[in-house]
């Protein structure tokens, strides 16, 4: 497999989950199958999830110990049942193979239809860009993309779409570039944050992560382990808040996690404090790893926390 598809923090995830013969590991984000192949190589059984139909071509020849479910990882407990898995891995964000496919519309570096959907249903990025109110566009860019000039970007988009709707990625990127006055040769393209915010909104990535963490809590056996690899601060805040709260390390609820039953016994223990980052060797050979963080929790024997109504 080529370098762009190298699984990030693979060795660390394997060490954390300890896959072995007789164990069931859930690969919540199959992608090109890097994690799943590594889990299978240890002798473990693997059930993987991916809502992207194009991921199935990477599952050919993985054998009878492997099963790929076409769906979101938040559905894992409904698909498999409760208390059945020894490990769950969630490698978040957009995959390299999706970025590499211009026709998917994820990248502002390649011209393609303004789509950005990880799955095959729901509104596209073009639908949002061409129909959302200016204030909603600004919110998406500011909250999900952490773009400080979100209002200016939104105003440029609304003025331009009144003349001609957006249909292509490079068209949108050029308008954002004009709004921000950035240079294409700069280290970070001016459209980076806005495209991230739009992609997160299209795929409901943060709410999917929150639901996926709760599903993992349900599907894991006592002693089972949950490894979460994040790629930006919004994802990491949610993962951190979940593990901190479920480990009983906060006095109350967190604004970054769904409200839960007060006083419930901890459903997770932290395998290590804080987050782990890739080493210099990995970041030098795999640029995607630079922003990655790994957090791991071990499921206790306590009941699943009840979500507040």
C-alpha atoms as a PDB file:
ATOM      1  CA  UNK A   1       0.000   0.000   0.000  1.00  0.00           C
ATOM      2  CA  UNK A   2       1.331   3.443  -0.861  1.00  0.00           C
ATOM      3  CA  UNK A   3       2.575   5.850   1.768  1.00  0.00           C
ATOM      4  CA  UNK A   4      -0.425   8.230   1.709  1.00  0.00           C
ATOM      5  CA  UNK A   5      -2.623   5.392   2.972  1.00  0.00           C
ATOM      6  CA  UNK A   6      -0.400   4.444   5.918  1.00  0.00           C
ATOM      7  CA  UNK A   7      -2.468   4.046   9.081  1.00  0.00           C
ATOM      8  CA  UNK A   8      -1.535   6.650  11.674  1.00  0.00           C
ATOM      9  CA  UNK A   9      -0.237   5.529  15.098  1.00  0.00           C
ATOM     10  CA  UNK A  10      -0.681   1.907  14.022  1.00  0.00           C
ATOM     11  CA  UNK A  11       1.911   0.420  16.369  1.00  0.00           C
ATOM     12  CA  UNK A  12       0.562   2.396  19.317  1.00  0.00           C
ATOM     13  CA  UNK A  13      -3.019   1.316  18.605  1.00  0.00           C
ATOM     14  CA  UNK A  14      -1.976  -2.340  18.329  1.00  0.00           C
ATOM     15  CA  UNK A  15      -0.094  -2.094  21.638  1.00  0.00           C
ATOM     16  CA  UNK A  16      -3.080  -0.446  23.308  1.00  0.00           C
ATOM     17  CA  UNK A  17      -5.767  -2.872  22.117  1.00  0.00           C
ATOM     18  CA  UNK A  18      -3.670  -6.068  22.399  1.00  0.00           C
ATOM     19  CA  UNK A  19      -5.455  -8.007  19.615  1.00  0.00           C
ATOM     20  CA  UNK A  20      -4.875 -11.774  19.728  1.00  0.00           C
ATOM     21  CA  UNK A  21      -6.453 -15.064  18.622  1.00  0.00           C
ATOM     22  CA  UNK A  22      -9.938 -15.441  20.057  1.00  0.00           C
ATOM     23  CA  UNK A  23     -10.442 -11.704  20.554  1.00  0.00           C
ATOM     24  CA  UNK A  24     -12.984  -9.590  18.672  1.00  0.00           C
ATOM     25  CA  UNK A  25     -11.793  -6.165  17.548  1.00  0.00           C
ATOM     26  CA  UNK A  26     -14.082  -3.528  16.042  1.00  0.00           C
ATOM     27  CA  UNK A  27     -12.467  -1.258  13.449  1.00  0.00           C
ATOM     28  CA  UNK A  28     -14.850   1.676  13.555  1.00  0.00           C
ATOM     29  CA  UNK A  29     -13.360   3.425  10.545  1.00  0.00           C
ATOM     30  CA  UNK A  30     -12.203   0.837   7.999  1.00  0.00           C
ATOM     31  CA  UNK A  31     -10.984   3.251   5.291  1.00  0.00           C
ATOM     32  CA  UNK A  32      -8.329   1.461   3.248  1.00  0.00           C
ATOM     33  CA  UNK A  33      -8.113  -1.318   5.843  1.00  0.00           C
ATOM     34  CA  UNK A  34      -4.743  -0.625   7.464  1.00  0.00           C
ATOM     35  CA  UNK A  35      -5.887  -1.203  11.024  1.00  0.00           C
ATOM     36  CA  UNK A  36      -8.040  -4.207  10.107  1.00  0.00           C
ATOM     37  CA  UNK A  37      -5.154  -5.947   8.336  1.00  0.00           C
ATOM     38  CA  UNK A  38      -2.908  -5.397  11.346  1.00  0.00           C
ATOM     39  CA  UNK A  39      -5.548  -6.754  13.739  1.00  0.00           C
ATOM     40  CA  UNK A  40      -6.125  -9.810  11.539  1.00  0.00           C
ATOM     41  CA  UNK A  41      -2.380 -10.467  11.394  1.00  0.00           C
ATOM     42  CA  UNK A  42      -2.418 -11.040  15.166  1.00  0.00           C
ATOM     43  CA  UNK A  43      -5.071 -13.753  14.792  1.00  0.00           C
ATOM     44  CA  UNK A  44      -7.972 -11.638  16.067  1.00  0.00           C
ATOM     45  CA  UNK A  45     -11.449 -11.565  14.553  1.00  0.00           C
ATOM     46  CA  UNK A  46     -12.407  -8.182  13.101  1.00  0.00           C
ATOM     47  CA  UNK A  47     -15.691  -6.459  12.342  1.00  0.00           C
ATOM     48  CA  UNK A  48     -15.182  -3.163  10.536  1.00  0.00           C
ATOM     49  CA  UNK A  49     -17.571  -0.306   9.789  1.00  0.00           C
ATOM     50  CA  UNK A  50     -17.466   2.271   7.015  1.00  0.00           C
ATOM     51  CA  UNK A  51     -20.261   4.390   5.566  1.00  0.00           C
ATOM     52  CA  UNK A  52     -18.274   4.979   2.376  1.00  0.00           C
ATOM     53  CA  UNK A  53     -19.355   2.388  -0.241  1.00  0.00           C
ATOM     54  CA  UNK A  54     -15.987   2.718  -2.008  1.00  0.00           C
ATOM     55  CA  UNK A  55     -14.225   1.227   1.029  1.00  0.00           C
ATOM     56  CA  UNK A  56     -15.485  -2.261   0.150  1.00  0.00           C
ATOM     57  CA  UNK A  57     -12.906  -2.728  -2.584  1.00  0.00           C
ATOM     58  CA  UNK A  58     -10.201  -2.670   0.100  1.00  0.00           C
ATOM     59  CA  UNK A  59     -11.880  -5.541   1.965  1.00  0.00           C
ATOM     60  CA  UNK A  60     -11.327  -8.168  -0.734  1.00  0.00           C
ATOM     61  CA  UNK A  61      -9.403 -11.221   0.378  1.00  0.00           C
ATOM     62  CA  UNK A  62      -9.356 -10.470   4.106  1.00  0.00           C
ATOM     63  CA  UNK A  63     -10.721 -13.914   4.976  1.00  0.00           C
ATOM     64  CA  UNK A  64     -13.417 -15.462   7.115  1.00  0.00           C
ATOM     65  CA  UNK A  65     -12.288 -13.792  10.349  1.00  0.00           C
ATOM     66  CA  UNK A  66     -13.239 -10.425   8.840  1.00  0.00           C
ATOM     67  CA  UNK A  67     -16.581  -8.747   8.187  1.00  0.00           C
ATOM     68  CA  UNK A  68     -17.250  -5.263   6.802  1.00  0.00           C
ATOM     69  CA  UNK A  69     -20.506  -3.523   7.714  1.00  0.00           C
ATOM     70  CA  UNK A  70     -21.666  -0.764   5.373  1.00  0.00           C
ATOM     71  CA  UNK A  71     -22.705   1.825   7.931  1.00  0.00           C
ATOM     72  CA  UNK A  72     -21.671   4.333  10.569  1.00  0.00           C
ATOM     73  CA  UNK A  73     -19.570   3.255  13.535  1.00  0.00           C
ATOM     74  CA  UNK A  74     -22.236   4.702  15.846  1.00  0.00           C
ATOM     75  CA  UNK A  75     -24.305   1.641  14.854  1.00  0.00           C
ATOM     76  CA  UNK A  76     -21.775  -0.886  16.217  1.00  0.00           C
ATOM     77  CA  UNK A  77     -23.674  -1.839  19.374  1.00  0.00           C
ATOM     78  CA  UNK A  78     -26.953  -2.231  17.481  1.00  0.00           C
ATOM     79  CA  UNK A  79     -25.181  -4.431  14.926  1.00  0.00           C
ATOM     80  CA  UNK A  80     -23.114  -6.559  17.324  1.00  0.00           C
ATOM     81  CA  UNK A  81     -24.847  -6.376  20.709  1.00  0.00           C
ATOM     82  CA  UNK A  82     -23.566  -5.255  24.098  1.00  0.00           C
ATOM     83  CA  UNK A  83     -20.501  -6.537  25.924  1.00  0.00           C
ATOM     84  CA  UNK A  84     -19.096  -8.593  23.041  1.00  0.00           C
ATOM     85  CA  UNK A  85     -15.924  -6.805  21.847  1.00  0.00           C
ATOM     86  CA  UNK A  86     -12.409  -6.903  23.267  1.00  0.00           C
ATOM     87  CA  UNK A  87     -11.321  -3.730  21.517  1.00  0.00           C
ATOM     88  CA  UNK A  88     -12.606  -0.808  19.457  1.00  0.00           C
ATOM     89  CA  UNK A  89     -10.485   1.474  17.262  1.00  0.00           C
ATOM     90  CA  UNK A  90     -11.759   4.810  15.952  1.00  0.00           C
ATOM     91  CA  UNK A  91      -9.477   6.545  13.437  1.00  0.00           C
ATOM     92  CA  UNK A  92     -11.357   9.769  12.783  1.00  0.00           C
ATOM     93  CA  UNK A  93     -11.586  12.355  10.049  1.00  0.00           C
ATOM     94  CA  UNK A  94     -11.390  12.071   6.299  1.00  0.00           C
ATOM     95  CA  UNK A  95      -9.308   9.246   4.858  1.00  0.00           C
ATOM     96  CA  UNK A  96      -6.376   9.706   2.507  1.00  0.00           C
ATOM     97  CA  UNK A  97      -8.155   7.748  -0.208  1.00  0.00           C
ATOM     98  CA  UNK A  98     -11.098  10.166  -0.043  1.00  0.00           C
ATOM     99  CA  UNK A  99      -8.788  13.172  -0.327  1.00  0.00           C
ATOM    100  CA  UNK A 100      -7.032  11.556  -3.283  1.00  0.00           C
ATOM    101  CA  UNK A 101     -10.271  11.163  -5.260  1.00  0.00           C
ATOM    102  CA  UNK A 102     -11.060  14.501  -6.902  1.00  0.00           C
ATOM    103  CA  UNK A 103     -14.590  13.357  -7.703  1.00  0.00           C
ATOM    104  CA  UNK A 104     -15.387  13.149  -3.971  1.00  0.00           C
ATOM    105  CA  UNK A 105     -14.918  16.907  -3.563  1.00  0.00           C
ATOM    106  CA  UNK A 106     -12.991  16.864  -0.262  1.00  0.00           C
ATOM    107  CA  UNK A 107      -9.860  18.659  -1.426  1.00  0.00           C
ATOM    108  CA  UNK A 108      -9.314  22.232  -2.558  1.00  0.00           C
ATOM    109  CA  UNK A 109      -6.089  21.059  -4.202  1.00  0.00           C
ATOM    110  CA  UNK A 110      -7.932  19.096  -6.906  1.00  0.00           C
ATOM    111  CA  UNK A 111     -10.912  20.278  -8.908  1.00  0.00           C
ATOM    112  CA  UNK A 112     -14.015  18.178  -8.487  1.00  0.00           C
ATOM    113  CA  UNK A 113     -17.732  18.345  -7.723  1.00  0.00           C
ATOM    114  CA  UNK A 114     -18.470  20.075  -4.409  1.00  0.00           C
ATOM    115  CA  UNK A 115     -19.706  16.946  -2.625  1.00  0.00           C
ATOM    116  CA  UNK A 116     -17.693  15.980   0.526  1.00  0.00           C
ATOM    117  CA  UNK A 117     -20.066  13.200   1.609  1.00  0.00           C
ATOM    118  CA  UNK A 118     -18.386  10.204   3.213  1.00  0.00           C
ATOM    119  CA  UNK A 119     -21.501   8.175   2.487  1.00  0.00           C
ATOM    120  CA  UNK A 120     -23.873   8.177  -0.442  1.00  0.00           C
ATOM    121  CA  UNK A 121     -26.809  10.036   1.101  1.00  0.00           C
ATOM    122  CA  UNK A 122     -27.670  13.390   2.615  1.00  0.00           C
ATOM    123  CA  UNK A 123     -26.992  16.964   1.479  1.00  0.00           C
ATOM    124  CA  UNK A 124     -23.755  17.738  -0.330  1.00  0.00           C
ATOM    125  CA  UNK A 125     -21.349  20.571   0.414  1.00  0.00           C
ATOM    126  CA  UNK A 126     -22.799  22.381  -2.602  1.00  0.00           C
ATOM    127  CA  UNK A 127     -26.293  22.111  -1.101  1.00  0.00           C
ATOM    128  CA  UNK A 128     -25.116  23.776   2.099  1.00  0.00           C
ATOM    129  CA  UNK A 129     -22.994  26.441   0.419  1.00  0.00           C
ATOM    130  CA  UNK A 130     -25.784  27.403  -1.989  1.00  0.00           C
ATOM    131  CA  UNK A 131     -28.771  27.348   0.386  1.00  0.00           C
ATOM    132  CA  UNK A 132     -27.695  27.989   4.000  1.00  0.00           C
ATOM    133  CA  UNK A 133     -28.265  31.420   5.499  1.00  0.00           C
ATOM    134  CA  UNK A 134     -25.195  33.629   5.726  1.00  0.00           C
ATOM    135  CA  UNK A 135     -25.204  33.432   9.541  1.00  0.00           C
ATOM    136  CA  UNK A 136     -25.325  29.619   9.413  1.00  0.00           C
ATOM    137  CA  UNK A 137     -22.420  29.473   6.974  1.00  0.00           C
ATOM    138  CA  UNK A 138     -20.413  31.741   9.265  1.00  0.00           C
ATOM    139  CA  UNK A 139     -21.247  29.487  12.222  1.00  0.00           C
ATOM    140  CA  UNK A 140     -20.109  26.376  10.332  1.00  0.00           C
ATOM    141  CA  UNK A 141     -16.798  27.974   9.363  1.00  0.00           C
ATOM    142  CA  UNK A 142     -16.188  29.415  12.841  1.00  0.00           C
ATOM    143  CA  UNK A 143     -17.291  26.488  15.034  1.00  0.00           C
ATOM    144  CA  UNK A 144     -16.230  23.527  12.900  1.00  0.00           C
ATOM    145  CA  UNK A 145     -13.407  25.117  10.930  1.00  0.00           C
ATOM    146  CA  UNK A 146     -12.167  27.494  13.630  1.00  0.00           C
ATOM    147  CA  UNK A 147     -11.932  30.168  10.935  1.00  0.00           C
ATOM    148  CA  UNK A 148     -11.633  33.551  12.658  1.00  0.00           C
ATOM    149  CA  UNK A 149     -12.803  35.482   9.598  1.00  0.00           C
ATOM    150  CA  UNK A 150     -15.844  33.269   9.112  1.00  0.00           C
ATOM    151  CA  UNK A 151     -18.271  36.152   8.630  1.00  0.00           C
ATOM    152  CA  UNK A 152     -16.178  37.636   5.843  1.00  0.00           C
ATOM    153  CA  UNK A 153     -15.896  34.251   4.121  1.00  0.00           C
ATOM    154  CA  UNK A 154     -19.661  33.706   4.389  1.00  0.00           C
ATOM    155  CA  UNK A 155     -20.440  37.155   2.981  1.00  0.00           C
ATOM    156  CA  UNK A 156     -18.208  36.584  -0.049  1.00  0.00           C
ATOM    157  CA  UNK A 157     -19.868  33.215  -0.680  1.00  0.00           C
ATOM    158  CA  UNK A 158     -23.403  34.609  -0.423  1.00  0.00           C
ATOM    159  CA  UNK A 159     -22.629  37.480  -2.796  1.00  0.00           C
ATOM    160  CA  UNK A 160     -21.089  35.154  -5.362  1.00  0.00           C
ATOM    161  CA  UNK A 161     -23.804  32.475  -5.200  1.00  0.00           C
ATOM    162  CA  UNK A 162     -26.434  35.115  -5.993  1.00  0.00           C
ATOM    163  CA  UNK A 163     -24.783  35.425  -9.392  1.00  0.00           C
ATOM    164  CA  UNK A 164     -23.898  31.780  -9.938  1.00  0.00           C
ATOM    165  CA  UNK A 165     -24.266  28.708  -7.661  1.00  0.00           C
ATOM    166  CA  UNK A 166     -21.166  26.843  -6.540  1.00  0.00           C
ATOM    167  CA  UNK A 167     -20.627  23.412  -8.078  1.00  0.00           C
ATOM    168  CA  UNK A 168     -16.835  22.858  -8.037  1.00  0.00           C
ATOM    169  CA  UNK A 169     -14.211  22.693  -5.288  1.00  0.00           C
ATOM    170  CA  UNK A 170     -11.662  25.007  -6.876  1.00  0.00           C
ATOM    171  CA  UNK A 171     -14.334  27.627  -7.546  1.00  0.00           C
ATOM    172  CA  UNK A 172     -15.216  27.739  -3.841  1.00  0.00           C
ATOM    173  CA  UNK A 173     -11.551  27.697  -2.812  1.00  0.00           C
ATOM    174  CA  UNK A 174     -10.800  30.685  -5.063  1.00  0.00           C
ATOM    175  CA  UNK A 175     -13.660  32.730  -3.582  1.00  0.00           C
ATOM    176  CA  UNK A 176     -12.476  31.950  -0.049  1.00  0.00           C
ATOM    177  CA  UNK A 177      -8.939  32.892  -1.099  1.00  0.00           C
ATOM    178  CA  UNK A 178     -10.188  36.263  -2.356  1.00  0.00           C
ATOM    179  CA  UNK A 179     -12.127  36.797   0.879  1.00  0.00           C
ATOM    180  CA  UNK A 180      -9.068  36.201   3.028  1.00  0.00           C
ATOM    181  CA  UNK A 181      -6.481  37.731   0.750  1.00  0.00           C
ATOM    182  CA  UNK A 182      -4.263  34.703   1.066  1.00  0.00           C
ATOM    183  CA  UNK A 183      -1.635  33.460  -1.328  1.00  0.00           C
ATOM    184  CA  UNK A 184      -1.916  30.026  -2.923  1.00  0.00           C
ATOM    185  CA  UNK A 185       1.793  29.477  -2.354  1.00  0.00           C
ATOM    186  CA  UNK A 186       1.428  29.966   1.414  1.00  0.00           C
ATOM    187  CA  UNK A 187       2.218  27.082   3.752  1.00  0.00           C
ATOM    188  CA  UNK A 188      -1.462  26.723   4.705  1.00  0.00           C
ATOM    189  CA  UNK A 189      -4.027  27.367   1.989  1.00  0.00           C
ATOM    190  CA  UNK A 190      -6.560  30.070   2.977  1.00  0.00           C
ATOM    191  CA  UNK A 191      -9.450  27.672   2.320  1.00  0.00           C
ATOM    192  CA  UNK A 192      -8.171  24.979   4.712  1.00  0.00           C
ATOM    193  CA  UNK A 193     -10.282  25.893   7.749  1.00  0.00           C
ATOM    194  CA  UNK A 194     -13.450  26.648   5.801  1.00  0.00           C
ATOM    195  CA  UNK A 195     -13.232  23.363   3.900  1.00  0.00           C
ATOM    196  CA  UNK A 196     -12.732  21.499   7.192  1.00  0.00           C
ATOM    197  CA  UNK A 197     -15.800  23.153   8.707  1.00  0.00           C
ATOM    198  CA  UNK A 198     -17.916  22.401   5.661  1.00  0.00           C
ATOM    199  CA  UNK A 199     -16.796  18.744   5.596  1.00  0.00           C
ATOM    200  CA  UNK A 200     -17.597  18.290   9.298  1.00  0.00           C
ATOM    201  CA  UNK A 201     -21.042  19.823   8.789  1.00  0.00           C
ATOM    202  CA  UNK A 202     -21.836  17.702   5.723  1.00  0.00           C
ATOM    203  CA  UNK A 203     -20.948  14.455   7.508  1.00  0.00           C
ATOM    204  CA  UNK A 204     -22.144  15.399  11.007  1.00  0.00           C
ATOM    205  CA  UNK A 205     -18.739  14.215  12.212  1.00  0.00           C
ATOM    206  CA  UNK A 206     -18.844  15.568  15.755  1.00  0.00           C
ATOM    207  CA  UNK A 207     -22.290  14.214  16.611  1.00  0.00           C
ATOM    208  CA  UNK A 208     -21.264  10.919  14.999  1.00  0.00           C
ATOM    209  CA  UNK A 209     -18.183  10.816  17.235  1.00  0.00           C
ATOM    210  CA  UNK A 210     -20.250  11.462  20.362  1.00  0.00           C
ATOM    211  CA  UNK A 211     -22.687   8.701  19.386  1.00  0.00           C
ATOM    212  CA  UNK A 212     -19.800   6.380  18.445  1.00  0.00           C
ATOM    213  CA  UNK A 213     -18.114   6.744  21.830  1.00  0.00           C
ATOM    214  CA  UNK A 214     -21.361   5.842  23.563  1.00  0.00           C
ATOM    215  CA  UNK A 215     -21.811   2.872  21.220  1.00  0.00           C
ATOM    216  CA  UNK A 216     -18.267   1.687  21.990  1.00  0.00           C
ATOM    217  CA  UNK A 217     -19.019   1.846  25.719  1.00  0.00           C
ATOM    218  CA  UNK A 218     -21.954  -0.483  25.081  1.00  0.00           C
ATOM    219  CA  UNK A 219     -20.180  -2.947  22.795  1.00  0.00           C
ATOM    220  CA  UNK A 220     -17.045  -3.487  24.905  1.00  0.00           C
ATOM    221  CA  UNK A 221     -16.590  -6.283  27.427  1.00  0.00           C
ATOM    222  CA  UNK A 222     -15.205  -5.487  30.893  1.00  0.00           C
ATOM    223  CA  UNK A 223     -11.479  -5.120  30.294  1.00  0.00           C
ATOM    224  CA  UNK A 224     -12.037  -4.238  26.639  1.00  0.00           C
ATOM    225  CA  UNK A 225     -10.198  -1.236  25.291  1.00  0.00           C
ATOM    226  CA  UNK A 226     -11.245   1.786  23.265  1.00  0.00           C
ATOM    227  CA  UNK A 227      -8.565   3.591  21.214  1.00  0.00           C
ATOM    228  CA  UNK A 228      -9.461   6.924  19.594  1.00  0.00           C
ATOM    229  CA  UNK A 229      -7.164   8.653  17.091  1.00  0.00           C
ATOM    230  CA  UNK A 230      -8.109  12.281  16.462  1.00  0.00           C
ATOM    231  CA  UNK A 231      -6.750  14.763  13.928  1.00  0.00           C
ATOM    232  CA  UNK A 232      -7.948  18.157  15.126  1.00  0.00           C
ATOM    233  CA  UNK A 233      -8.825  19.914  18.360  1.00  0.00           C
ATOM    234  CA  UNK A 234     -12.599  19.600  18.046  1.00  0.00           C
ATOM    235  CA  UNK A 235     -12.430  15.805  17.866  1.00  0.00           C
ATOM    236  CA  UNK A 236      -9.832  15.599  20.623  1.00  0.00           C
ATOM    237  CA  UNK A 237     -11.890  17.752  22.998  1.00  0.00           C
ATOM    238  CA  UNK A 238     -14.836  15.405  22.613  1.00  0.00           C
ATOM    239  CA  UNK A 239     -12.710  12.283  23.142  1.00  0.00           C
ATOM    240  CA  UNK A 240     -10.923  13.845  26.122  1.00  0.00           C
ATOM    241  CA  UNK A 241     -14.187  14.946  27.734  1.00  0.00           C
ATOM    242  CA  UNK A 242     -15.737  11.508  27.246  1.00  0.00           C
ATOM    243  CA  UNK A 243     -12.835   9.605  28.801  1.00  0.00           C
ATOM    244  CA  UNK A 244     -12.394  12.139  31.615  1.00  0.00           C
ATOM    245  CA  UNK A 245     -16.065  11.998  32.533  1.00  0.00           C
ATOM    246  CA  UNK A 246     -16.489   8.233  32.142  1.00  0.00           C
ATOM    247  CA  UNK A 247     -13.378   7.700  34.294  1.00  0.00           C
ATOM    248  CA  UNK A 248     -14.959   9.733  37.093  1.00  0.00           C
ATOM    249  CA  UNK A 249     -12.410  12.532  36.887  1.00  0.00           C
ATOM    250  CA  UNK A 250     -14.853  15.436  36.582  1.00  0.00           C
ATOM    251  CA  UNK A 251     -17.265  16.646  39.282  1.00  0.00           C
ATOM    252  CA  UNK A 252     -20.092  17.127  36.815  1.00  0.00           C
ATOM    253  CA  UNK A 253     -21.078  17.097  33.166  1.00  0.00           C
ATOM    254  CA  UNK A 254     -18.982  18.454  30.340  1.00  0.00           C
ATOM    255  CA  UNK A 255     -20.139  20.894  27.700  1.00  0.00           C
ATOM    256  CA  UNK A 256     -18.280  18.782  25.112  1.00  0.00           C
ATOM    257  CA  UNK A 257     -20.143  15.542  25.872  1.00  0.00           C
ATOM    258  CA  UNK A 258     -23.810  14.544  26.150  1.00  0.00           C
ATOM    259  CA  UNK A 259     -25.349  14.967  29.639  1.00  0.00           C
ATOM    260  CA  UNK A 260     -25.276  11.749  31.611  1.00  0.00           C
ATOM    261  CA  UNK A 261     -26.601  10.209  34.780  1.00  0.00           C
ATOM    262  CA  UNK A 262     -25.045  11.908  37.795  1.00  0.00           C
ATOM    263  CA  UNK A 263     -23.015   9.792  40.186  1.00  0.00           C
ATOM    264  CA  UNK A 264     -22.691   6.737  37.933  1.00  0.00           C
ATOM    265  CA  UNK A 265     -19.678   4.512  38.709  1.00  0.00           C
ATOM    266  CA  UNK A 266     -16.799   4.919  36.214  1.00  0.00           C
ATOM    267  CA  UNK A 267     -17.293   2.879  33.050  1.00  0.00           C
ATOM    268  CA  UNK A 268     -13.705   3.435  31.895  1.00  0.00           C
ATOM    269  CA  UNK A 269     -10.231   3.645  33.347  1.00  0.00           C
ATOM    270  CA  UNK A 270      -7.571   5.576  31.467  1.00  0.00           C
ATOM    271  CA  UNK A 271      -4.799   3.377  30.083  1.00  0.00           C
ATOM    272  CA  UNK A 272      -2.483   6.389  30.321  1.00  0.00           C
ATOM    273  CA  UNK A 273      -2.941  10.035  31.230  1.00  0.00           C
ATOM    274  CA  UNK A 274      -3.415  12.562  28.466  1.00  0.00           C
ATOM    275  CA  UNK A 275      -2.889  11.882  24.785  1.00  0.00           C
ATOM    276  CA  UNK A 276      -0.001  10.316  22.916  1.00  0.00           C
ATOM    277  CA  UNK A 277       1.371  11.742  19.690  1.00  0.00           C
ATOM    278  CA  UNK A 278       3.320  10.090  16.853  1.00  0.00           C
ATOM    279  CA  UNK A 279       7.094  10.001  17.017  1.00  0.00           C
ATOM    280  CA  UNK A 280       9.403  12.010  14.807  1.00  0.00           C
ATOM    281  CA  UNK A 281      10.000   9.079  12.462  1.00  0.00           C
ATOM    282  CA  UNK A 282       6.306   8.654  11.720  1.00  0.00           C
ATOM    283  CA  UNK A 283       5.614  12.358  11.233  1.00  0.00           C
ATOM    284  CA  UNK A 284       8.585  12.612   8.878  1.00  0.00           C
ATOM    285  CA  UNK A 285       7.321   9.806   6.646  1.00  0.00           C
ATOM    286  CA  UNK A 286       3.549  10.372   6.982  1.00  0.00           C
ATOM    287  CA  UNK A 287       2.489  14.057   6.984  1.00  0.00           C
ATOM    288  CA  UNK A 288      -1.082  13.125   7.979  1.00  0.00           C
ATOM    289  CA  UNK A 289       0.245  12.004  11.369  1.00  0.00           C
ATOM    290  CA  UNK A 290       1.464  15.445  12.445  1.00  0.00           C
ATOM    291  CA  UNK A 291      -1.757  16.500  14.170  1.00  0.00           C
ATOM    292  CA  UNK A 292      -2.793  13.030  15.399  1.00  0.00           C
ATOM    293  CA  UNK A 293      -3.458  12.217  19.052  1.00  0.00           C
ATOM    294  CA  UNK A 294      -4.251   8.871  20.658  1.00  0.00           C
ATOM    295  CA  UNK A 295      -6.412   8.402  23.772  1.00  0.00           C
ATOM    296  CA  UNK A 296      -7.228   4.987  25.237  1.00  0.00           C
ATOM    297  CA  UNK A 297      -9.695   3.828  27.875  1.00  0.00           C
ATOM    298  CA  UNK A 298     -10.214   0.398  29.460  1.00  0.00           C
ATOM    299  CA  UNK A 299     -13.826  -0.677  30.053  1.00  0.00           C
ATOM    300  CA  UNK A 300     -14.696  -1.418  33.657  1.00  0.00           C
ATOM    301  CA  UNK A 301     -17.399  -3.796  34.856  1.00  0.00           C
ATOM    302  CA  UNK A 302     -19.710  -0.870  35.670  1.00  0.00           C
ATOM    303  CA  UNK A 303     -22.984  -0.575  33.767  1.00  0.00           C
ATOM    304  CA  UNK A 304     -23.249   1.604  30.681  1.00  0.00           C
ATOM    305  CA  UNK A 305     -23.960   5.190  31.677  1.00  0.00           C
ATOM    306  CA  UNK A 306     -27.500   6.340  31.043  1.00  0.00           C
ATOM    307  CA  UNK A 307     -27.850   9.385  28.841  1.00  0.00           C
ATOM    308  CA  UNK A 308     -30.013  12.116  30.330  1.00  0.00           C
ATOM    309  CA  UNK A 309     -33.288  12.798  28.575  1.00  0.00           C
END
